[in-house]
Amino acid sequence: MTDEPRDNPEPAAPAEDGGTNPLHKKLGIRTGLRGAIVAPREDVAGLLSPLPEAFVTLDSVADLAATDGTYDYLHVFAFNRADLVRDFPTLRDKLGPGGSLWVSWIKQSSVRGGGGLPGDLNENAVRRLALAGGLVDVKVAALDAEWSALKLVWRRH
């Protein structure tokens, strides 16, 4: 797969569906990258396992901001639009050239968090924020029945 934008990206299948590649491989988590997983809830942290040795798990974007350098792979779990808008400049600034930033959100149809009440994040909201910030989406993935993710990369000039 190239990192060229596609009009209709196909979802990556979750690992438990019997697909040929585990989820962490479909998301591009691999040895040799410097990566950070940001703000995963306990019940989703295991979805991205196993993480390579050079990956860290951080509680917040503020913790990410306190680290040195940039990352080849970032994956943030966003819970609402206001927080993502606030945190997006830090996420973008910590993304190295050629790196990928995955933004995950709870699907609006999920039963989590109040019996399926719609959240204010979705694929289009994340895409608009990315485009305004100089990034472009290249892939969408279903992490599981409750979480979706959009892969963002630096726009080519």
Protein backbone atom coordinates (compact mmCIF):
# COMPACT_ATOMS: atom_id res chain seq x y z
CA MET A 1 0.00 0.00 0.00
CA THR A 2 1.29 3.41 -0.84
CA ASP A 3 0.62 6.51 1.18
CA GLU A 4 -1.18 8.18 -1.72
CA PRO A 5 -4.59 9.58 -0.78
CA ARG A 6 -7.54 7.54 -1.99
CA ASP A 7 -11.08 8.70 -2.51
CA ASN A 8 -12.65 5.67 -0.84
CA PRO A 9 -10.20 4.02 1.53
CA GLU A 10 -11.13 0.52 2.62
CA PRO A 11 -11.30 -0.34 6.31
CA ALA A 12 -8.59 -2.59 7.69
CA ALA A 13 -10.13 -5.68 9.19
CA PRO A 14 -9.70 -6.24 12.93
CA ALA A 15 -7.33 -9.05 13.90
CA GLU A 16 -10.13 -11.13 15.37
CA ASP A 17 -11.92 -11.46 12.02
CA GLY A 18 -9.56 -14.18 10.81
CA GLY A 19 -7.76 -11.85 8.38
CA THR A 20 -4.28 -12.77 7.24
CA ASN A 21 -2.53 -9.92 9.07
CA PRO A 22 -2.95 -8.96 12.70
CA LEU A 23 -4.25 -5.46 13.34
CA HIS A 24 -0.91 -4.07 14.52
CA LYS A 25 0.64 -4.99 11.17
CA LYS A 26 -2.22 -3.46 9.17
CA LEU A 27 -1.70 -0.25 11.13
CA GLY A 28 2.01 -0.19 10.29
CA ILE A 29 3.34 -0.91 13.77
CA ARG A 30 6.72 -2.50 13.21
CA THR A 31 10.25 -2.78 14.53
CA GLY A 32 12.58 0.01 13.47
CA LEU A 33 10.09 2.82 14.06
CA ARG A 34 9.99 5.25 16.95
CA GLY A 35 6.38 5.29 18.03
CA ALA A 36 3.97 6.49 20.68
CA ILE A 37 0.47 5.39 21.59
CA VAL A 38 -1.32 8.30 23.26
CA ALA A 39 -4.26 8.14 25.68
CA PRO A 40 -5.45 4.59 25.10
CA ARG A 41 -8.10 3.40 27.51
CA GLU A 42 -7.25 0.18 29.27
CA ASP A 43 -9.77 -1.80 27.23
CA VAL A 44 -8.22 -0.79 23.88
CA ALA A 45 -4.51 -0.72 24.70
CA GLY A 46 -4.17 -4.42 23.87
CA LEU A 47 -5.62 -3.97 20.38
CA LEU A 48 -2.28 -2.62 19.14
CA SER A 49 -0.11 -5.31 20.71
CA PRO A 50 2.56 -6.39 20.41
CA LEU A 51 4.37 -3.06 20.42
CA PRO A 52 8.02 -2.89 19.35
CA GLU A 53 10.66 -1.97 21.91
CA ALA A 54 11.03 1.62 20.59
CA PHE A 55 7.33 2.38 21.23
CA VAL A 56 6.00 4.11 24.31
CA THR A 57 2.50 4.41 25.71
CA LEU A 58 1.66 7.85 27.09
CA ASP A 59 -1.33 8.98 29.14
CA SER A 60 -1.90 12.27 27.35
CA VAL A 61 -0.85 14.59 24.55
CA ALA A 62 0.75 16.77 27.25
CA ASP A 63 3.03 13.80 28.04
CA LEU A 64 3.83 13.52 24.32
CA ALA A 65 4.67 17.24 24.19
CA ALA A 66 7.20 16.72 26.99
CA THR A 67 9.19 14.15 24.97
CA ASP A 68 12.18 14.97 22.81
CA GLY A 69 12.17 14.70 19.04
CA THR A 70 9.62 13.44 16.56
CA TYR A 71 8.01 10.07 15.94
CA ASP A 72 7.64 7.81 12.93
CA TYR A 73 4.34 6.47 14.25
CA LEU A 74 1.78 8.17 16.47
CA HIS A 75 -1.61 6.81 17.46
CA VAL A 76 -3.93 8.96 19.56
CA PHE A 77 -7.25 7.94 21.05
CA ALA A 78 -9.53 10.98 20.89
CA PHE A 79 -12.68 11.24 22.95
CA ASN A 80 -14.13 14.53 21.74
CA ARG A 81 -13.62 17.14 19.05
CA ALA A 82 -12.63 20.00 21.38
CA ASP A 83 -9.73 18.03 22.88
CA LEU A 84 -8.57 16.86 19.46
CA VAL A 85 -8.66 20.40 18.07
CA ARG A 86 -6.65 21.60 21.09
CA ASP A 87 -4.13 18.75 20.85
CA PHE A 88 -3.75 18.55 17.08
CA PRO A 89 -0.89 21.09 16.75
CA THR A 90 1.20 19.08 19.23
CA LEU A 91 0.42 15.81 17.46
CA ARG A 92 1.33 17.34 14.10
CA ASP A 93 4.55 18.84 15.48
CA LYS A 94 5.62 15.48 16.93
CA LEU A 95 5.07 13.68 13.61
CA GLY A 96 8.35 13.21 11.77
CA PRO A 97 8.81 13.47 8.00
CA GLY A 98 7.40 10.35 6.36
CA GLY A 99 5.64 9.41 9.60
CA SER A 100 2.03 8.44 10.16
CA LEU A 101 -0.49 9.70 12.69
CA TRP A 102 -3.47 7.51 13.43
CA VAL A 103 -6.43 9.22 15.10
CA SER A 104 -8.95 6.86 16.71
CA TRP A 105 -12.43 7.71 17.96
CA ILE A 106 -15.38 5.81 19.36
CA LYS A 107 -17.84 5.03 16.60
CA GLN A 108 -21.06 6.97 16.88
CA SER A 109 -22.99 3.72 16.69
CA SER A 110 -21.07 2.22 19.61
CA VAL A 111 -22.98 1.14 22.69
CA ARG A 112 -20.17 2.42 24.92
CA GLY A 113 -20.50 5.66 26.84
CA GLY A 114 -24.19 6.12 27.45
CA GLY A 115 -25.98 3.53 25.37
CA GLY A 116 -24.92 4.57 21.90
CA LEU A 117 -25.23 8.33 22.26
CA PRO A 118 -23.56 9.94 19.26
CA GLY A 119 -20.19 11.56 19.85
CA ASP A 120 -18.90 14.64 18.13
CA LEU A 121 -16.03 12.91 16.34
CA ASN A 122 -16.24 11.01 13.10
CA GLU A 123 -14.14 10.39 10.01
CA ASN A 124 -15.16 13.64 8.34
CA ALA A 125 -14.38 15.78 11.39
CA VAL A 126 -10.93 14.22 11.73
CA ARG A 127 -10.28 14.61 7.98
CA ARG A 128 -11.23 18.32 8.01
CA LEU A 129 -8.94 18.98 10.98
CA ALA A 130 -6.08 17.12 9.28
CA LEU A 131 -6.44 18.97 5.98
CA ALA A 132 -6.49 22.34 7.77
CA GLY A 133 -3.32 21.29 9.58
CA GLY A 134 -1.33 20.22 6.50
CA LEU A 135 -1.95 16.47 6.75
CA VAL A 136 -3.96 14.22 4.46
CA ASP A 137 -5.79 10.96 5.17
CA VAL A 138 -4.69 7.82 3.36
CA LYS A 139 -6.42 4.94 5.13
CA VAL A 140 -9.32 4.17 7.44
CA ALA A 141 -9.43 1.20 9.80
CA ALA A 142 -11.92 -0.44 12.13
CA LEU A 143 -9.94 -1.32 15.25
CA ASP A 144 -12.82 -3.30 16.69
CA ALA A 145 -16.61 -3.00 16.96
CA GLU A 146 -16.32 0.27 18.90
CA TRP A 147 -13.24 2.10 17.57
CA SER A 148 -12.40 3.54 14.15
CA ALA A 149 -9.14 5.16 13.07
CA LEU A 150 -7.91 7.39 10.27
CA LYS A 151 -4.29 7.37 9.11
CA LEU A 152 -2.84 10.80 8.41
CA VAL A 153 0.44 11.68 6.69
CA TRP A 154 2.16 14.87 5.63
CA ARG A 155 0.70 16.33 2.44
CA ARG A 156 3.10 16.20 -0.49
CA HIS A 157 3.92 19.59 -1.95
